[in-house]
Amino acid sequence: MTERRVTVARETGLHARPARAVAESAADFDASVTVEYDGETARAASALELTALGVRSGESVTVRAAGDDADRAVAAVAAVLAEEGDP
């Protein structure tokens, strides 16, 4: 298992468009990826679950992955979460 703590940089937090970008990124890898925030966990491949976390700008989340591409999946999802501006 690989994990990384990342701060959400988007001014609007993790709303629909960024959540979709995270889900699309997570789907590119052979790994099970989750995002944890405030004791709640969402599948990174589910934009709906990610949005339901209610993550605001400047708050930190933990990205975890297990599987053959775990390292690359965590790096890719973390990069999307850390991007400024909307996709």
Protein backbone atom coordinates (compact mmCIF):
# COMPACT_ATOMS: atom_id res chain seq x y z
CA MET A 1 0.00 0.00 0.00
CA THR A 2 1.16 3.48 -0.88
CA GLU A 3 -0.14 6.68 0.65
CA ARG A 4 0.48 10.40 0.49
CA ARG A 5 -0.92 13.40 2.32
CA VAL A 6 -1.84 16.27 -0.01
CA THR A 7 -3.40 19.70 0.39
CA VAL A 8 -6.30 20.54 -1.92
CA ALA A 9 -5.23 23.74 -3.68
CA ARG A 10 -8.31 24.59 -5.75
CA GLU A 11 -10.11 27.69 -4.47
CA THR A 12 -13.43 25.88 -4.66
CA GLY A 13 -12.21 22.71 -2.96
CA LEU A 14 -13.15 19.26 -4.19
CA HIS A 15 -16.43 19.95 -6.01
CA ALA A 16 -17.86 18.30 -9.14
CA ARG A 17 -15.29 19.16 -11.83
CA PRO A 18 -12.17 18.49 -9.76
CA ALA A 19 -13.77 15.30 -8.39
CA ARG A 20 -14.40 14.14 -11.96
CA ALA A 21 -10.75 14.89 -12.85
CA VAL A 22 -9.59 12.84 -9.85
CA ALA A 23 -11.91 9.96 -10.81
CA GLU A 24 -10.65 9.98 -14.40
CA SER A 25 -7.05 10.00 -13.21
CA ALA A 26 -7.63 7.12 -10.77
CA ALA A 27 -9.28 5.02 -13.49
CA ASP A 28 -6.07 5.06 -15.55
CA PHE A 29 -4.26 2.69 -13.17
CA ASP A 30 -4.39 -0.93 -12.06
CA ALA A 31 -4.90 0.03 -8.42
CA SER A 32 -7.64 0.53 -5.87
CA VAL A 33 -7.37 4.20 -4.87
CA THR A 34 -9.12 5.95 -1.98
CA VAL A 35 -9.18 9.48 -0.59
CA GLU A 36 -9.64 9.98 3.15
CA TYR A 37 -10.80 13.21 4.76
CA ASP A 38 -11.97 13.88 8.29
CA GLY A 39 -12.42 10.18 9.08
CA GLU A 40 -14.42 9.45 5.91
CA THR A 41 -13.13 7.46 2.94
CA ALA A 42 -14.21 7.71 -0.70
CA ARG A 43 -13.24 5.64 -3.71
CA ALA A 44 -11.15 7.90 -5.93
CA ALA A 45 -12.89 6.46 -9.00
CA SER A 46 -16.24 7.84 -7.78
CA ALA A 47 -16.74 11.57 -8.36
CA LEU A 48 -19.95 11.40 -6.32
CA GLU A 49 -18.20 9.90 -3.29
CA LEU A 50 -15.36 12.42 -3.57
CA THR A 51 -17.75 15.36 -3.72
CA ALA A 52 -19.63 14.02 -0.69
CA LEU A 53 -16.45 14.33 1.41
CA GLY A 54 -16.92 18.12 1.41
CA VAL A 55 -13.22 18.96 1.19
CA ARG A 56 -12.54 22.70 1.11
CA SER A 57 -9.57 24.57 -0.31
CA GLY A 58 -6.46 24.39 1.86
CA GLU A 59 -7.52 21.23 3.65
CA SER A 60 -5.46 18.05 3.57
CA VAL A 61 -6.53 14.59 2.47
CA THR A 62 -4.78 11.23 2.44
CA VAL A 63 -4.57 9.38 -0.87
CA ARG A 64 -4.05 5.61 -0.58
CA ALA A 65 -3.66 2.93 -3.22
CA ALA A 66 -3.06 -0.80 -3.42
CA GLY A 67 -2.28 -2.74 -6.57
CA ASP A 68 0.31 -3.04 -9.31
CA ASP A 69 0.23 0.68 -10.14
CA ALA A 70 -0.22 1.97 -6.57
CA ASP A 71 2.79 4.31 -6.57
CA ARG A 72 1.90 5.89 -9.91
CA ALA A 73 -1.80 6.10 -9.03
CA VAL A 74 -1.12 7.93 -5.76
CA ALA A 75 1.25 10.33 -7.51
CA ALA A 76 -1.26 11.08 -10.29
CA VAL A 77 -4.26 11.57 -8.00
CA ALA A 78 -2.21 13.70 -5.59
CA ALA A 79 -1.08 15.88 -8.50
CA VAL A 80 -4.69 16.50 -9.58
CA LEU A 81 -5.71 17.37 -6.03
CA ALA A 82 -2.79 19.78 -5.63
CA GLU A 83 -3.50 21.65 -8.90
CA GLU A 84 -4.76 25.20 -8.66
CA GLY A 85 -7.72 26.27 -10.76
CA ASP A 86 -10.51 24.15 -12.19
CA PRO A 87 -9.86 21.48 -14.80
